[in-house]
Amino acid sequence: MMAFPVLVYGAGDSLHIVDKPIIWTNNREQLIMEYAQTHYGLSQVSIVPQAVVVHWTAGPTWESAYLTFYNEARKDGTLNVASHFLVDRDGTVFRLTSETALNRHVIGYNWCAIGIENVGGVNGREDLTHEQLQANIELISYLHVKYPTIKYVFGHYQQDMARESGLYIENVKGYRSIKIDPGAEFMKGLRMALEKKGLVFYPE
């Protein structure tokens, strides 16, 4: 079972990560293994992070998103959706799993991508806050330093563009989704702040 310390600590000049773990048991690890084998032909529970994918929750509160991610399995018995981080409207950053866990948050890239969910985007409205943008900038900067293997940052809606990275793998024919999160303006703000660090972004 993956160890997960519960603590609050500073990760950068003003970034503070609050550990708020979702359920993690041997059962979740078995579901991860099954998912990785089915979709990627890989046997893995953890990842070597190579990309960061930015999302919005399409819900109004961090609590509702947390409850969505909390359980291990979906109704069909497969691995539940989850993200590594959840950023509230005020910029509070919650860490839900180990940074190197394989979580189900983006088709084709879960085997190598860290996911950041931002509370907002209800009814497709681009309403993420300045505080969330700043928190994402600091969080991605922290992750890039901690994991030099990270090269790419893209929004969920840019998943097709990101195939240029060569990271996309999907073995299930026709398994895809169309997304609009987290919005072009949010990604533009991230690109303007982080592209100079050598991270690869895609056109908004």
C-alpha atoms as a PDB file:
ATOM      1  CA  MET A   1       0.000   0.000   0.000  1.00  0.00           C
ATOM      2  CA  MET A   2       1.336   3.454  -0.896  1.00  0.00           C
ATOM      3  CA  ALA A   3       2.435   5.469   2.151  1.00  0.00           C
ATOM      4  CA  PHE A   4       0.817   8.877   2.500  1.00  0.00           C
ATOM      5  CA  PRO A   5       1.812  11.304   5.280  1.00  0.00           C
ATOM      6  CA  VAL A   6      -0.879  13.629   6.636  1.00  0.00           C
ATOM      7  CA  LEU A   7       0.588  17.060   7.244  1.00  0.00           C
ATOM      8  CA  VAL A   8       0.634  20.680   6.153  1.00  0.00           C
ATOM      9  CA  TYR A   9       3.864  22.205   4.939  1.00  0.00           C
ATOM     10  CA  GLY A  10       5.302  24.962   2.800  1.00  0.00           C
ATOM     11  CA  ALA A  11       6.410  23.857  -0.661  1.00  0.00           C
ATOM     12  CA  GLY A  12       7.595  27.167  -2.037  1.00  0.00           C
ATOM     13  CA  ASP A  13       7.698  30.893  -1.296  1.00  0.00           C
ATOM     14  CA  SER A  14       3.944  31.075  -0.672  1.00  0.00           C
ATOM     15  CA  LEU A  15       2.655  27.635  -1.658  1.00  0.00           C
ATOM     16  CA  HIS A  16       1.185  25.507   1.099  1.00  0.00           C
ATOM     17  CA  ILE A  17      -0.102  22.021   0.389  1.00  0.00           C
ATOM     18  CA  VAL A  18      -2.747  20.516   2.650  1.00  0.00           C
ATOM     19  CA  ASP A  19      -2.794  16.728   2.586  1.00  0.00           C
ATOM     20  CA  LYS A  20      -6.374  15.469   2.302  1.00  0.00           C
ATOM     21  CA  PRO A  21      -6.031  11.843   1.192  1.00  0.00           C
ATOM     22  CA  ILE A  22      -8.778   9.913  -0.544  1.00  0.00           C
ATOM     23  CA  ILE A  23      -9.206   6.188   0.179  1.00  0.00           C
ATOM     24  CA  TRP A  24      -6.070   4.259  -0.771  1.00  0.00           C
ATOM     25  CA  THR A  25      -6.040   0.509  -0.206  1.00  0.00           C
ATOM     26  CA  ASN A  26      -4.791  -2.625  -1.894  1.00  0.00           C
ATOM     27  CA  ASN A  27      -8.107  -2.675  -3.739  1.00  0.00           C
ATOM     28  CA  ARG A  28      -7.400   0.718  -5.332  1.00  0.00           C
ATOM     29  CA  GLU A  29      -3.973  -0.511  -6.371  1.00  0.00           C
ATOM     30  CA  GLN A  30      -5.535  -3.588  -7.972  1.00  0.00           C
ATOM     31  CA  LEU A  31      -7.997  -1.374  -9.875  1.00  0.00           C
ATOM     32  CA  ILE A  32      -5.116   0.833 -11.011  1.00  0.00           C
ATOM     33  CA  MET A  33      -3.213  -2.202 -12.265  1.00  0.00           C
ATOM     34  CA  GLU A  34      -6.272  -3.376 -14.198  1.00  0.00           C
ATOM     35  CA  TYR A  35      -6.813   0.075 -15.698  1.00  0.00           C
ATOM     36  CA  ALA A  36      -3.165   0.445 -16.716  1.00  0.00           C
ATOM     37  CA  GLN A  37      -3.122  -2.986 -18.319  1.00  0.00           C
ATOM     38  CA  THR A  38      -6.373  -2.419 -20.234  1.00  0.00           C
ATOM     39  CA  HIS A  39      -5.644   1.082 -21.489  1.00  0.00           C
ATOM     40  CA  TYR A  40      -1.857   1.175 -21.768  1.00  0.00           C
ATOM     41  CA  GLY A  41      -0.651  -2.409 -21.772  1.00  0.00           C
ATOM     42  CA  LEU A  42       1.429  -1.511 -18.731  1.00  0.00           C
ATOM     43  CA  SER A  43       1.789  -3.027 -15.290  1.00  0.00           C
ATOM     44  CA  GLN A  44       2.063  -0.032 -12.961  1.00  0.00           C
ATOM     45  CA  VAL A  45       0.559   1.648  -9.933  1.00  0.00           C
ATOM     46  CA  SER A  46       2.889   4.638  -9.868  1.00  0.00           C
ATOM     47  CA  ILE A  47       4.102   7.024 -12.553  1.00  0.00           C
ATOM     48  CA  VAL A  48       7.234   8.852 -13.574  1.00  0.00           C
ATOM     49  CA  PRO A  49       5.673  12.303 -14.072  1.00  0.00           C
ATOM     50  CA  GLN A  50       6.254  13.714 -17.545  1.00  0.00           C
ATOM     51  CA  ALA A  51       3.281  16.065 -17.854  1.00  0.00           C
ATOM     52  CA  VAL A  52       0.896  18.138 -15.762  1.00  0.00           C
ATOM     53  CA  VAL A  53      -2.728  18.274 -16.892  1.00  0.00           C
ATOM     54  CA  VAL A  54      -4.933  21.112 -15.627  1.00  0.00           C
ATOM     55  CA  HIS A  55      -8.688  20.653 -15.111  1.00  0.00           C
ATOM     56  CA  TRP A  56     -11.734  22.254 -13.595  1.00  0.00           C
ATOM     57  CA  THR A  57     -14.256  20.336 -11.505  1.00  0.00           C
ATOM     58  CA  ALA A  58     -17.471  21.734 -13.080  1.00  0.00           C
ATOM     59  CA  GLY A  59     -18.753  21.873  -9.496  1.00  0.00           C
ATOM     60  CA  PRO A  60     -19.066  24.718  -6.958  1.00  0.00           C
ATOM     61  CA  THR A  61     -17.149  23.387  -3.939  1.00  0.00           C
ATOM     62  CA  TRP A  62     -13.991  21.475  -3.131  1.00  0.00           C
ATOM     63  CA  GLU A  63     -16.042  19.197  -0.886  1.00  0.00           C
ATOM     64  CA  SER A  64     -18.222  17.996  -3.780  1.00  0.00           C
ATOM     65  CA  ALA A  65     -15.144  17.256  -5.897  1.00  0.00           C
ATOM     66  CA  TYR A  66     -13.443  15.495  -3.001  1.00  0.00           C
ATOM     67  CA  LEU A  67     -16.454  13.241  -2.480  1.00  0.00           C
ATOM     68  CA  THR A  68     -16.514  12.444  -6.212  1.00  0.00           C
ATOM     69  CA  PHE A  69     -12.894  11.296  -6.089  1.00  0.00           C
ATOM     70  CA  TYR A  70     -13.006   9.657  -2.659  1.00  0.00           C
ATOM     71  CA  ASN A  71     -14.226   6.152  -3.472  1.00  0.00           C
ATOM     72  CA  GLU A  72     -11.991   3.610  -5.163  1.00  0.00           C
ATOM     73  CA  ALA A  73     -14.370   2.238  -7.793  1.00  0.00           C
ATOM     74  CA  ARG A  74     -17.041   3.518 -10.159  1.00  0.00           C
ATOM     75  CA  LYS A  75     -20.481   1.903 -10.347  1.00  0.00           C
ATOM     76  CA  ASP A  76     -19.206  -0.361 -13.128  1.00  0.00           C
ATOM     77  CA  GLY A  77     -16.444  -1.663 -10.837  1.00  0.00           C
ATOM     78  CA  THR A  78     -13.583   0.068 -12.659  1.00  0.00           C
ATOM     79  CA  LEU A  79     -11.109   2.539 -11.193  1.00  0.00           C
ATOM     80  CA  ASN A  80     -12.772   5.758 -10.048  1.00  0.00           C
ATOM     81  CA  VAL A  81     -11.713   9.145 -11.379  1.00  0.00           C
ATOM     82  CA  ALA A  82      -9.294  11.085  -9.198  1.00  0.00           C
ATOM     83  CA  SER A  83      -6.679  13.781  -9.411  1.00  0.00           C
ATOM     84  CA  HIS A  84      -3.483  14.366  -7.495  1.00  0.00           C
ATOM     85  CA  PHE A  85      -4.349  17.922  -6.458  1.00  0.00           C
ATOM     86  CA  LEU A  86      -7.503  19.939  -5.884  1.00  0.00           C
ATOM     87  CA  VAL A  87      -7.328  23.751  -5.792  1.00  0.00           C
ATOM     88  CA  ASP A  88     -10.131  25.652  -4.075  1.00  0.00           C
ATOM     89  CA  ARG A  89     -11.461  29.055  -5.168  1.00  0.00           C
ATOM     90  CA  ASP A  90      -9.288  30.840  -2.597  1.00  0.00           C
ATOM     91  CA  GLY A  91      -6.135  29.101  -3.834  1.00  0.00           C
ATOM     92  CA  THR A  92      -5.953  26.447  -1.120  1.00  0.00           C
ATOM     93  CA  VAL A  93      -4.150  23.402  -2.518  1.00  0.00           C
ATOM     94  CA  PHE A  94      -5.255  19.960  -1.350  1.00  0.00           C
ATOM     95  CA  ARG A  95      -3.151  16.916  -2.175  1.00  0.00           C
ATOM     96  CA  LEU A  96      -5.400  13.892  -2.570  1.00  0.00           C
ATOM     97  CA  THR A  97      -2.877  11.166  -3.429  1.00  0.00           C
ATOM     98  CA  SER A  98       0.834  10.657  -3.741  1.00  0.00           C
ATOM     99  CA  GLU A  99       2.254  12.780  -6.547  1.00  0.00           C
ATOM    100  CA  THR A 100       3.475   9.628  -8.267  1.00  0.00           C
ATOM    101  CA  ALA A 101       0.241   7.663  -8.035  1.00  0.00           C
ATOM    102  CA  LEU A 102      -1.471   6.660 -11.267  1.00  0.00           C
ATOM    103  CA  ASN A 103      -4.816   8.467 -11.145  1.00  0.00           C
ATOM    104  CA  ARG A 104      -7.638   8.396 -13.682  1.00  0.00           C
ATOM    105  CA  HIS A 105      -8.098  12.006 -14.813  1.00  0.00           C
ATOM    106  CA  VAL A 106      -7.219  12.275 -18.540  1.00  0.00           C
ATOM    107  CA  ILE A 107      -7.636   9.700 -21.289  1.00  0.00           C
ATOM    108  CA  GLY A 108      -4.354   8.597 -22.836  1.00  0.00           C
ATOM    109  CA  TYR A 109      -1.952  10.199 -20.364  1.00  0.00           C
ATOM    110  CA  ASN A 110      -2.740   8.849 -16.893  1.00  0.00           C
ATOM    111  CA  TRP A 111       0.321   6.603 -17.079  1.00  0.00           C
ATOM    112  CA  CYS A 112       2.625   9.654 -16.955  1.00  0.00           C
ATOM    113  CA  ALA A 113       0.618  12.752 -15.936  1.00  0.00           C
ATOM    114  CA  ILE A 114      -0.071  14.585 -12.700  1.00  0.00           C
ATOM    115  CA  GLY A 115      -3.582  16.047 -12.551  1.00  0.00           C
ATOM    116  CA  ILE A 116      -4.611  19.347 -10.981  1.00  0.00           C
ATOM    117  CA  GLU A 117      -8.340  19.984 -10.502  1.00  0.00           C
ATOM    118  CA  ASN A 118      -9.599  23.531  -9.924  1.00  0.00           C
ATOM    119  CA  VAL A 119     -12.977  24.177  -8.305  1.00  0.00           C
ATOM    120  CA  GLY A 120     -15.206  25.950 -10.827  1.00  0.00           C
ATOM    121  CA  GLY A 121     -16.356  25.802 -14.410  1.00  0.00           C
ATOM    122  CA  VAL A 122     -20.005  25.142 -13.538  1.00  0.00           C
ATOM    123  CA  ASN A 123     -22.052  24.985 -16.768  1.00  0.00           C
ATOM    124  CA  GLY A 124     -18.843  25.520 -18.743  1.00  0.00           C
ATOM    125  CA  ARG A 125     -18.284  29.033 -17.438  1.00  0.00           C
ATOM    126  CA  GLU A 126     -14.644  30.155 -17.425  1.00  0.00           C
ATOM    127  CA  ASP A 127     -14.659  31.485 -13.882  1.00  0.00           C
ATOM    128  CA  LEU A 128     -11.462  30.237 -12.256  1.00  0.00           C
ATOM    129  CA  THR A 129      -9.977  32.826  -9.905  1.00  0.00           C
ATOM    130  CA  HIS A 130      -6.741  34.779  -9.761  1.00  0.00           C
ATOM    131  CA  GLU A 131      -5.964  32.942  -6.524  1.00  0.00           C
ATOM    132  CA  GLN A 132      -6.313  29.621  -8.319  1.00  0.00           C
ATOM    133  CA  LEU A 133      -4.084  30.799 -11.147  1.00  0.00           C
ATOM    134  CA  GLN A 134      -1.375  31.853  -8.709  1.00  0.00           C
ATOM    135  CA  ALA A 135      -1.678  28.583  -6.795  1.00  0.00           C
ATOM    136  CA  ASN A 136      -1.376  26.569 -10.031  1.00  0.00           C
ATOM    137  CA  ILE A 137       1.694  28.550 -11.082  1.00  0.00           C
ATOM    138  CA  GLU A 138       3.379  27.880  -7.759  1.00  0.00           C
ATOM    139  CA  LEU A 139       2.307  24.234  -7.662  1.00  0.00           C
ATOM    140  CA  ILE A 140       3.525  23.478 -11.189  1.00  0.00           C
ATOM    141  CA  SER A 141       6.803  25.282 -10.443  1.00  0.00           C
ATOM    142  CA  TYR A 142       7.249  23.134  -7.340  1.00  0.00           C
ATOM    143  CA  LEU A 143       6.475  19.941  -9.265  1.00  0.00           C
ATOM    144  CA  HIS A 144       8.847  20.866 -12.097  1.00  0.00           C
ATOM    145  CA  VAL A 145      11.698  21.319  -9.642  1.00  0.00           C
ATOM    146  CA  LYS A 146      10.882  18.129  -7.744  1.00  0.00           C
ATOM    147  CA  TYR A 147      10.392  16.051 -10.917  1.00  0.00           C
ATOM    148  CA  PRO A 148      12.757  17.217 -13.686  1.00  0.00           C
ATOM    149  CA  THR A 149      11.129  14.586 -15.929  1.00  0.00           C
ATOM    150  CA  ILE A 150       8.112  16.901 -16.281  1.00  0.00           C
ATOM    151  CA  LYS A 151       8.254  18.667 -19.634  1.00  0.00           C
ATOM    152  CA  TYR A 152       4.655  19.320 -20.715  1.00  0.00           C
ATOM    153  CA  VAL A 153       1.757  21.306 -19.271  1.00  0.00           C
ATOM    154  CA  PHE A 154      -1.634  21.293 -20.952  1.00  0.00           C
ATOM    155  CA  GLY A 155      -5.305  21.829 -20.264  1.00  0.00           C
ATOM    156  CA  HIS A 156      -7.758  18.962 -20.470  1.00  0.00           C
ATOM    157  CA  TYR A 157      -9.227  20.512 -23.625  1.00  0.00           C
ATOM    158  CA  GLN A 158      -5.773  20.380 -25.248  1.00  0.00           C
ATOM    159  CA  GLN A 159      -5.496  16.594 -24.966  1.00  0.00           C
ATOM    160  CA  ASP A 160      -5.492  16.104 -28.751  1.00  0.00           C
ATOM    161  CA  MET A 161      -2.851  18.800 -29.336  1.00  0.00           C
ATOM    162  CA  ALA A 162      -0.707  17.155 -26.670  1.00  0.00           C
ATOM    163  CA  ARG A 163      -0.394  14.010 -28.766  1.00  0.00           C
ATOM    164  CA  GLU A 164       2.542  15.842 -30.369  1.00  0.00           C
ATOM    165  CA  SER A 165       4.428  15.041 -27.156  1.00  0.00           C
ATOM    166  CA  GLY A 166       4.461  11.347 -28.062  1.00  0.00           C
ATOM    167  CA  LEU A 167       3.076  10.497 -24.619  1.00  0.00           C
ATOM    168  CA  TYR A 168      -0.439   9.520 -25.685  1.00  0.00           C
ATOM    169  CA  ILE A 169      -1.319   5.834 -25.323  1.00  0.00           C
ATOM    170  CA  GLU A 170      -4.822   4.354 -25.551  1.00  0.00           C
ATOM    171  CA  ASN A 171      -5.509   0.705 -26.367  1.00  0.00           C
ATOM    172  CA  VAL A 172      -9.301   0.852 -26.154  1.00  0.00           C
ATOM    173  CA  LYS A 173     -10.669   1.728 -29.580  1.00  0.00           C
ATOM    174  CA  GLY A 174     -13.014   4.720 -29.609  1.00  0.00           C
ATOM    175  CA  TYR A 175     -12.338   5.602 -25.972  1.00  0.00           C
ATOM    176  CA  ARG A 176     -12.105   9.397 -25.896  1.00  0.00           C
ATOM    177  CA  SER A 177     -13.931  12.456 -24.616  1.00  0.00           C
ATOM    178  CA  ILE A 178     -14.316  16.103 -25.625  1.00  0.00           C
ATOM    179  CA  LYS A 179     -13.416  18.588 -22.895  1.00  0.00           C
ATOM    180  CA  ILE A 180     -13.334  22.383 -22.494  1.00  0.00           C
ATOM    181  CA  ASP A 181     -11.648  22.695 -19.096  1.00  0.00           C
ATOM    182  CA  PRO A 182      -9.958  24.677 -17.659  1.00  0.00           C
ATOM    183  CA  GLY A 183     -10.495  27.368 -20.327  1.00  0.00           C
ATOM    184  CA  ALA A 184      -8.133  29.161 -22.688  1.00  0.00           C
ATOM    185  CA  GLU A 185      -7.614  32.239 -20.523  1.00  0.00           C
ATOM    186  CA  PHE A 186      -6.477  30.165 -17.568  1.00  0.00           C
ATOM    187  CA  MET A 187      -4.014  28.254 -19.726  1.00  0.00           C
ATOM    188  CA  LYS A 188      -2.735  31.511 -21.230  1.00  0.00           C
ATOM    189  CA  GLY A 189      -1.980  32.774 -17.730  1.00  0.00           C
ATOM    190  CA  LEU A 190      -0.084  29.595 -16.908  1.00  0.00           C
ATOM    191  CA  ARG A 191       1.872  29.694 -20.153  1.00  0.00           C
ATOM    192  CA  MET A 192       2.885  33.329 -19.666  1.00  0.00           C
ATOM    193  CA  ALA A 193       4.178  32.577 -16.174  1.00  0.00           C
ATOM    194  CA  LEU A 194       5.803  29.190 -16.758  1.00  0.00           C
ATOM    195  CA  GLU A 195       6.937  28.864 -20.365  1.00  0.00           C
ATOM    196  CA  LYS A 196      10.184  30.628 -19.515  1.00  0.00           C
ATOM    197  CA  LYS A 197      10.995  27.713 -17.193  1.00  0.00           C
ATOM    198  CA  GLY A 198      11.373  25.465 -20.231  1.00  0.00           C
ATOM    199  CA  LEU A 199       7.977  23.804 -19.982  1.00  0.00           C
ATOM    200  CA  VAL A 200       6.146  23.003 -23.221  1.00  0.00           C
ATOM    201  CA  PHE A 201       2.652  24.489 -23.703  1.00  0.00           C
ATOM    202  CA  TYR A 202       0.190  24.286 -26.582  1.00  0.00           C
ATOM    203  CA  PRO A 203      -1.745  27.089 -28.328  1.00  0.00           C
ATOM    204  CA  GLU A 204      -4.702  28.309 -26.291  1.00  0.00           C
END
